[in-house]
Protein backbone atom coordinates (compact mmCIF):
# COMPACT_ATOMS: atom_id res chain seq x y z
CA MET A 1 -18.98 21.95 5.10
CA PRO A 2 -18.75 18.99 2.68
CA LYS A 3 -16.91 15.79 3.47
CA MET A 4 -13.38 15.30 2.21
CA LYS A 5 -12.97 12.58 -0.40
CA THR A 6 -10.55 9.70 -0.08
CA LYS A 7 -8.23 9.36 -3.06
CA SER A 8 -9.36 6.32 -5.01
CA GLY A 9 -5.81 5.13 -5.70
CA VAL A 10 -5.06 5.03 -2.00
CA LYS A 11 -8.15 3.08 -1.06
CA LYS A 12 -7.48 0.53 -3.82
CA ARG A 13 -3.80 -0.02 -3.02
CA MET A 14 -3.44 0.43 0.74
CA SER A 15 -5.03 -0.85 3.92
CA MET A 16 -4.51 -0.10 7.59
CA THR A 17 -3.59 -2.64 10.24
CA ALA A 18 -5.01 -2.72 13.76
CA THR A 19 -1.86 -1.08 15.12
CA GLY A 20 -2.12 1.82 12.67
CA LYS A 21 0.52 0.78 10.14
CA ILE A 22 -0.33 1.21 6.46
CA LYS A 23 0.03 -2.00 4.46
CA THR A 24 0.80 -1.95 0.73
CA GLY A 25 1.82 -4.44 -1.92
CA ARG A 26 5.25 -4.60 -3.45
CA SER A 27 6.00 -3.58 -6.99
CA GLY A 28 7.11 -5.85 -9.80
CA HIS A 29 4.94 -8.89 -9.15
CA ASN A 30 2.44 -8.78 -12.01
CA HIS A 31 4.24 -9.86 -15.15
CA PHE A 32 7.59 -11.18 -16.45
CA LEU A 33 7.60 -13.66 -13.59
CA ARG A 34 9.42 -16.38 -15.55
CA GLN A 35 12.41 -14.15 -16.26
CA LYS A 36 12.99 -13.31 -12.59
CA SER A 37 14.58 -15.55 -10.02
CA LYS A 38 12.42 -17.52 -7.60
CA ARG A 39 13.75 -15.39 -4.78
CA ALA A 40 12.68 -12.16 -6.51
CA ASN A 41 9.20 -13.57 -7.09
CA LYS A 42 8.84 -14.59 -3.44
CA GLU A 43 10.04 -11.19 -2.25
CA GLY A 44 7.53 -9.47 -4.51
CA ALA A 45 4.67 -11.48 -3.07
CA LYS A 46 5.36 -10.36 0.50
CA VAL A 47 3.51 -7.59 2.27
CA ASN A 48 5.13 -4.18 2.51
CA TYR A 49 4.51 -1.47 5.11
CA LEU A 50 4.84 2.23 4.43
CA ASP A 51 7.85 4.00 5.86
CA GLU A 52 7.20 6.40 8.72
CA THR A 53 8.16 9.34 6.49
CA HIS A 54 5.22 8.63 4.14
CA VAL A 55 2.53 7.78 6.69
CA ALA A 56 1.48 11.40 7.26
CA GLN A 57 1.09 11.97 3.53
CA ALA A 58 -1.01 8.81 3.11
CA LYS A 59 -3.26 9.83 6.01
CA LEU A 60 -3.92 13.15 4.27
CA LEU A 61 -5.04 11.27 1.17
CA ALA A 62 -7.36 9.07 3.27
CA PRO A 63 -8.79 11.44 5.87
CA TYR A 64 -11.25 8.93 7.38
CA GLY A 65 -8.89 5.98 7.48
CA LEU A 66 -8.58 2.85 5.37
CA LYS A 67 -10.33 -0.51 5.61
C-alpha cells in the first residue's frame, strides 16, 4: 500500500510542539502594517495554537506528523 501524502499547505504553515500542540501563525501580518495600530501589529506577530476542535482535522492532513 502506498504512503499517504502530507498536504503541502499544512507542512508550510504549521508545526508541532514537543507537547503535541499544533503551532500556526496569525493572519493579517503581511501588509498594510502602517495603517494598523501598534497593538494590532504586535498581536499579529505572536504565535497561535490550533484549537482542540481542529487538531484532529490537521492530523489527518499530516498523517506522519509535522516538523
